[in-house]
N, C-alpha and C. Protein backbone atom coordinates (compact mmCIF):
# COMPACT_ATOMS: atom_id res chain seq x y z
N GLN A 1 126.15 105.09 108.62
CA GLN A 1 125.11 106.08 108.50
C GLN A 1 123.75 105.41 108.31
N VAL A 2 122.73 106.19 108.51
CA VAL A 2 121.38 105.70 108.33
C VAL A 2 121.08 105.53 106.84
N GLN A 3 120.43 104.43 106.51
CA GLN A 3 120.00 104.20 105.14
C GLN A 3 118.55 103.77 105.13
N LEU A 4 117.81 104.33 104.20
CA LEU A 4 116.43 103.94 103.96
C LEU A 4 116.33 103.49 102.52
N VAL A 5 115.94 102.25 102.31
CA VAL A 5 115.91 101.66 100.98
C VAL A 5 114.47 101.32 100.63
N GLU A 6 113.98 101.96 99.58
CA GLU A 6 112.60 101.80 99.16
C GLU A 6 112.47 100.80 98.02
N SER A 7 111.31 100.18 97.94
CA SER A 7 111.00 99.29 96.85
C SER A 7 109.49 99.23 96.67
N GLY A 8 109.04 98.70 95.56
CA GLY A 8 107.62 98.47 95.33
C GLY A 8 106.96 99.45 94.39
N GLY A 9 107.66 100.49 93.99
CA GLY A 9 107.08 101.43 93.05
C GLY A 9 106.96 100.82 91.67
N GLY A 10 106.25 101.51 90.81
CA GLY A 10 106.07 101.03 89.45
C GLY A 10 104.85 101.63 88.81
N LEU A 11 104.34 100.91 87.83
CA LEU A 11 103.18 101.36 87.06
C LEU A 11 101.94 100.60 87.49
N ALA A 12 100.86 101.33 87.70
CA ALA A 12 99.58 100.74 88.06
C ALA A 12 98.48 101.40 87.26
N GLN A 13 97.40 100.68 87.08
CA GLN A 13 96.21 101.24 86.46
C GLN A 13 95.37 101.98 87.50
N ALA A 14 94.61 102.96 87.05
CA ALA A 14 93.67 103.61 87.94
C ALA A 14 92.75 102.56 88.57
N GLY A 15 92.57 102.66 89.88
CA GLY A 15 91.79 101.67 90.61
C GLY A 15 92.61 100.50 91.11
N GLY A 16 93.85 100.41 90.70
CA GLY A 16 94.71 99.33 91.12
C GLY A 16 95.41 99.61 92.43
N SER A 17 96.36 98.73 92.76
CA SER A 17 97.04 98.81 94.05
C SER A 17 98.53 98.61 93.89
N LEU A 18 99.28 99.21 94.79
CA LEU A 18 100.70 98.97 94.95
C LEU A 18 101.02 99.00 96.43
N ARG A 19 102.09 98.31 96.80
CA ARG A 19 102.59 98.39 98.17
C ARG A 19 104.05 98.78 98.14
N LEU A 20 104.35 99.89 98.78
CA LEU A 20 105.71 100.35 98.91
C LEU A 20 106.31 99.85 100.21
N SER A 21 107.60 99.54 100.17
CA SER A 21 108.32 99.10 101.35
C SER A 21 109.54 99.99 101.55
N CYS A 22 109.90 100.19 102.80
CA CYS A 22 111.09 100.96 103.14
C CYS A 22 111.81 100.23 104.26
N ALA A 23 112.99 99.74 103.96
CA ALA A 23 113.81 99.03 104.93
C ALA A 23 114.86 99.97 105.48
N ALA A 24 114.91 100.08 106.80
CA ALA A 24 115.82 101.00 107.46
C ALA A 24 116.99 100.27 108.09
N SER A 25 118.12 100.92 108.11
CA SER A 25 119.29 100.41 108.82
C SER A 25 120.02 101.57 109.47
N GLY A 26 120.73 101.28 110.55
CA GLY A 26 121.50 102.30 111.23
C GLY A 26 120.72 103.16 112.20
N ILE A 27 119.47 102.81 112.46
CA ILE A 27 118.65 103.54 113.40
C ILE A 27 117.94 102.56 114.33
N ILE A 28 117.47 103.09 115.45
CA ILE A 28 116.65 102.29 116.35
C ILE A 28 115.22 102.43 115.87
N PHE A 29 114.82 101.51 115.04
CA PHE A 29 113.59 101.65 114.28
C PHE A 29 112.36 101.78 115.17
N SER A 30 112.31 101.02 116.25
CA SER A 30 111.10 100.98 117.07
C SER A 30 110.80 102.31 117.75
N THR A 31 111.77 103.18 117.87
CA THR A 31 111.58 104.47 118.51
C THR A 31 111.34 105.60 117.51
N ASN A 32 111.35 105.27 116.23
CA ASN A 32 111.28 106.29 115.20
C ASN A 32 109.85 106.65 114.82
N ALA A 33 109.69 107.90 114.42
CA ALA A 33 108.53 108.28 113.64
C ALA A 33 108.87 108.03 112.17
N MET A 34 107.97 107.38 111.47
CA MET A 34 108.18 107.04 110.07
C MET A 34 107.08 107.65 109.23
N GLY A 35 107.43 107.97 107.99
CA GLY A 35 106.44 108.56 107.12
C GLY A 35 106.76 108.37 105.65
N TRP A 36 105.78 108.69 104.85
CA TRP A 36 105.92 108.70 103.41
C TRP A 36 105.55 110.07 102.87
N TYR A 37 106.38 110.58 101.99
CA TYR A 37 106.12 111.80 101.25
C TYR A 37 106.05 111.50 99.77
N ARG A 38 105.52 112.45 99.01
CA ARG A 38 105.55 112.30 97.57
C ARG A 38 105.76 113.66 96.92
N GLN A 39 106.31 113.63 95.72
CA GLN A 39 106.55 114.85 94.98
C GLN A 39 106.35 114.59 93.49
N ALA A 40 105.44 115.35 92.92
CA ALA A 40 105.21 115.30 91.49
C ALA A 40 106.00 116.42 90.82
N PRO A 41 106.33 116.27 89.54
CA PRO A 41 107.09 117.32 88.85
C PRO A 41 106.42 118.68 88.94
N GLY A 42 107.20 119.69 89.30
CA GLY A 42 106.67 121.04 89.41
C GLY A 42 105.87 121.32 90.65
N LYS A 43 105.78 120.36 91.55
CA LYS A 43 105.00 120.53 92.76
C LYS A 43 105.88 120.37 93.99
N GLN A 44 105.39 120.88 95.11
CA GLN A 44 106.09 120.73 96.38
C GLN A 44 105.95 119.32 96.91
N ARG A 45 106.96 118.89 97.65
CA ARG A 45 106.87 117.61 98.32
C ARG A 45 105.81 117.70 99.41
N GLU A 46 104.95 116.70 99.49
CA GLU A 46 103.87 116.70 100.46
C GLU A 46 103.88 115.44 101.30
N LEU A 47 103.45 115.60 102.53
CA LEU A 47 103.37 114.48 103.45
C LEU A 47 102.15 113.64 103.12
N VAL A 48 102.37 112.34 102.94
CA VAL A 48 101.29 111.42 102.59
C VAL A 48 100.75 110.70 103.82
N ALA A 49 101.64 110.17 104.63
CA ALA A 49 101.23 109.39 105.79
C ALA A 49 102.36 109.33 106.80
N THR A 50 101.99 109.24 108.08
CA THR A 50 102.97 109.09 109.15
C THR A 50 102.52 108.01 110.12
N SER A 51 103.49 107.43 110.80
CA SER A 51 103.25 106.45 111.84
C SER A 51 104.20 106.72 112.99
N SER A 52 103.64 107.01 114.15
CA SER A 52 104.45 107.32 115.32
C SER A 52 103.67 107.03 116.59
N GLY A 53 104.28 106.26 117.49
CA GLY A 53 103.63 105.96 118.75
C GLY A 53 102.29 105.28 118.62
N GLY A 54 102.13 104.49 117.58
CA GLY A 54 100.88 103.78 117.36
C GLY A 54 99.79 104.61 116.72
N ILE A 55 100.10 105.82 116.36
CA ILE A 55 99.14 106.73 115.75
C ILE A 55 99.52 106.96 114.30
N THR A 56 98.53 106.92 113.44
CA THR A 56 98.75 107.18 112.03
C THR A 56 97.97 108.41 111.59
N ASN A 57 98.54 109.11 110.62
CA ASN A 57 97.90 110.28 110.04
C ASN A 57 98.09 110.25 108.54
N TYR A 58 97.13 110.84 107.83
CA TYR A 58 97.13 110.77 106.38
C TYR A 58 96.77 112.10 105.75
N LEU A 59 97.35 112.31 104.58
CA LEU A 59 96.90 113.39 103.72
C LEU A 59 95.43 113.18 103.39
N ASP A 60 94.64 114.24 103.41
CA ASP A 60 93.20 114.09 103.21
C ASP A 60 92.86 113.35 101.92
N SER A 61 93.59 113.61 100.87
CA SER A 61 93.26 113.04 99.58
C SER A 61 93.54 111.54 99.49
N VAL A 62 94.25 110.97 100.46
CA VAL A 62 94.53 109.54 100.43
C VAL A 62 93.82 108.78 101.54
N LYS A 63 93.11 109.46 102.41
CA LYS A 63 92.40 108.79 103.49
C LYS A 63 91.39 107.80 102.93
N GLY A 64 91.37 106.62 103.51
CA GLY A 64 90.49 105.57 103.07
C GLY A 64 91.04 104.75 101.92
N ARG A 65 92.13 105.20 101.32
CA ARG A 65 92.75 104.48 100.21
C ARG A 65 94.14 103.95 100.54
N PHE A 66 94.90 104.72 101.30
CA PHE A 66 96.27 104.34 101.65
C PHE A 66 96.34 103.93 103.11
N THR A 67 97.23 103.01 103.41
CA THR A 67 97.45 102.57 104.78
C THR A 67 98.95 102.46 105.04
N ILE A 68 99.41 103.14 106.08
CA ILE A 68 100.79 103.00 106.50
C ILE A 68 100.86 101.96 107.61
N SER A 69 101.85 101.11 107.56
CA SER A 69 102.05 100.12 108.60
C SER A 69 103.55 99.90 108.79
N ARG A 70 103.89 99.25 109.88
CA ARG A 70 105.30 99.03 110.14
C ARG A 70 105.51 97.70 110.84
N ASP A 71 106.65 97.11 110.56
CA ASP A 71 107.08 95.88 111.20
C ASP A 71 108.40 96.20 111.88
N ASN A 72 108.34 96.46 113.18
CA ASN A 72 109.54 96.87 113.90
C ASN A 72 110.60 95.77 113.94
N ALA A 73 110.16 94.52 113.96
CA ALA A 73 111.11 93.42 113.97
C ALA A 73 111.93 93.36 112.69
N LYS A 74 111.35 93.81 111.59
CA LYS A 74 112.03 93.82 110.30
C LYS A 74 112.59 95.19 109.92
N ASP A 75 112.40 96.17 110.80
CA ASP A 75 112.85 97.54 110.52
C ASP A 75 112.31 98.03 109.18
N THR A 76 111.05 97.78 108.94
CA THR A 76 110.45 98.09 107.65
C THR A 76 109.11 98.80 107.84
N VAL A 77 108.89 99.80 107.03
CA VAL A 77 107.61 100.50 106.99
C VAL A 77 107.01 100.32 105.60
N TYR A 78 105.70 100.22 105.54
CA TYR A 78 104.99 99.96 104.30
C TYR A 78 103.97 101.04 104.02
N LEU A 79 103.66 101.20 102.76
CA LEU A 79 102.54 102.03 102.36
C LEU A 79 101.71 101.22 101.36
N GLN A 80 100.56 100.76 101.82
CA GLN A 80 99.63 100.06 100.95
C GLN A 80 98.75 101.09 100.27
N MET A 81 98.76 101.10 98.95
CA MET A 81 98.03 102.08 98.18
C MET A 81 96.97 101.37 97.35
N ASN A 82 95.72 101.61 97.67
CA ASN A 82 94.60 101.02 96.97
C ASN A 82 93.81 102.11 96.25
N SER A 83 92.97 101.69 95.33
CA SER A 83 92.13 102.62 94.57
C SER A 83 92.94 103.77 94.01
N LEU A 84 94.04 103.44 93.39
CA LEU A 84 94.96 104.46 92.90
C LEU A 84 94.31 105.34 91.84
N LYS A 85 94.71 106.59 91.86
CA LYS A 85 94.23 107.59 90.92
C LYS A 85 95.42 108.19 90.17
N PRO A 86 95.19 108.70 88.96
CA PRO A 86 96.31 109.32 88.24
C PRO A 86 97.00 110.43 89.03
N GLU A 87 96.27 111.15 89.85
CA GLU A 87 96.87 112.21 90.64
C GLU A 87 97.79 111.70 91.75
N ASP A 88 97.81 110.40 91.96
CA ASP A 88 98.76 109.81 92.90
C ASP A 88 100.15 109.65 92.27
N THR A 89 100.26 109.89 90.99
CA THR A 89 101.54 109.77 90.31
C THR A 89 102.56 110.74 90.89
N ALA A 90 103.68 110.21 91.33
CA ALA A 90 104.71 111.03 91.98
C ALA A 90 105.89 110.13 92.32
N VAL A 91 106.97 110.76 92.74
CA VAL A 91 108.05 110.03 93.38
C VAL A 91 107.73 109.99 94.87
N TYR A 92 107.75 108.80 95.42
CA TYR A 92 107.43 108.60 96.83
C TYR A 92 108.71 108.38 97.62
N TYR A 93 108.81 109.08 98.75
CA TYR A 93 110.00 109.05 99.58
C TYR A 93 109.68 108.54 100.98
N CYS A 94 110.49 107.65 101.45
CA CYS A 94 110.44 107.21 102.83
C CYS A 94 111.16 108.22 103.71
N HIS A 95 110.64 108.45 104.90
CA HIS A 95 111.21 109.43 105.81
C HIS A 95 111.22 108.88 107.22
N ALA A 96 112.31 109.12 107.93
CA ALA A 96 112.43 108.64 109.30
C ALA A 96 112.93 109.76 110.19
N VAL A 97 112.42 109.79 111.40
CA VAL A 97 112.86 110.74 112.41
C VAL A 97 113.33 109.98 113.63
N GLN A 98 114.52 110.30 114.09
CA GLN A 98 115.03 109.75 115.33
C GLN A 98 115.62 110.90 116.13
N GLY A 99 115.02 111.18 117.27
CA GLY A 99 115.45 112.32 118.05
C GLY A 99 115.26 113.60 117.27
N LEU A 100 116.34 114.35 117.13
CA LEU A 100 116.29 115.62 116.42
C LEU A 100 116.76 115.52 114.98
N ARG A 101 117.04 114.33 114.51
CA ARG A 101 117.52 114.14 113.15
C ARG A 101 116.46 113.47 112.28
N ASP A 102 116.54 113.73 110.99
CA ASP A 102 115.66 113.05 110.07
C ASP A 102 116.44 112.57 108.85
N TYR A 103 115.86 111.60 108.17
CA TYR A 103 116.54 110.91 107.09
C TYR A 103 115.56 110.62 105.97
N TRP A 104 116.09 110.54 104.75
CA TRP A 104 115.28 110.32 103.56
C TRP A 104 115.77 109.13 102.75
N GLY A 105 114.82 108.42 102.17
CA GLY A 105 115.15 107.42 101.19
C GLY A 105 115.43 108.06 99.84
N GLN A 106 115.78 107.23 98.86
CA GLN A 106 116.16 107.74 97.54
C GLN A 106 114.97 108.08 96.66
N GLY A 107 113.81 107.61 97.04
CA GLY A 107 112.60 107.83 96.27
C GLY A 107 112.31 106.69 95.31
N THR A 108 111.04 106.42 95.11
CA THR A 108 110.62 105.40 94.15
C THR A 108 109.44 105.94 93.35
N GLN A 109 109.50 105.75 92.05
CA GLN A 109 108.49 106.31 91.16
C GLN A 109 107.22 105.47 91.18
N VAL A 110 106.10 106.16 91.34
CA VAL A 110 104.78 105.55 91.20
C VAL A 110 104.06 106.27 90.07
N THR A 111 103.63 105.51 89.09
CA THR A 111 102.91 106.07 87.95
C THR A 111 101.57 105.36 87.83
N VAL A 112 100.50 106.13 87.80
CA VAL A 112 99.16 105.59 87.70
C VAL A 112 98.56 106.04 86.38
N SER A 113 98.21 105.11 85.55
CA SER A 113 97.63 105.41 84.25
C SER A 113 96.12 105.45 84.34
N SER A 114 95.51 106.25 83.47
CA SER A 114 94.07 106.36 83.44
C SER A 114 93.45 105.45 82.40
């Protein structure tokens, strides 16, 4: 089965940086649309960033601060998070789409202190 394994979450100070990684297996990574979502307690899961066909898109509140990138040779997608704010605190989930199916990682906690 498809597996998405995330790493890189943790605690950061406001204004600091973190880089999340998501390693995929069981899929043809180079043909996939990849993305990152996040969910804070009591809130809906929201799309943070996507990468597909060389095009990237971002949630308005993270534009200019977050960057999604991918290394197809390593089957890995990254989310570089700079200028972190307390409102970025959430569980971040890796997401992959292949054809008509989609897959989720287990989530990794990001906590930003003020």
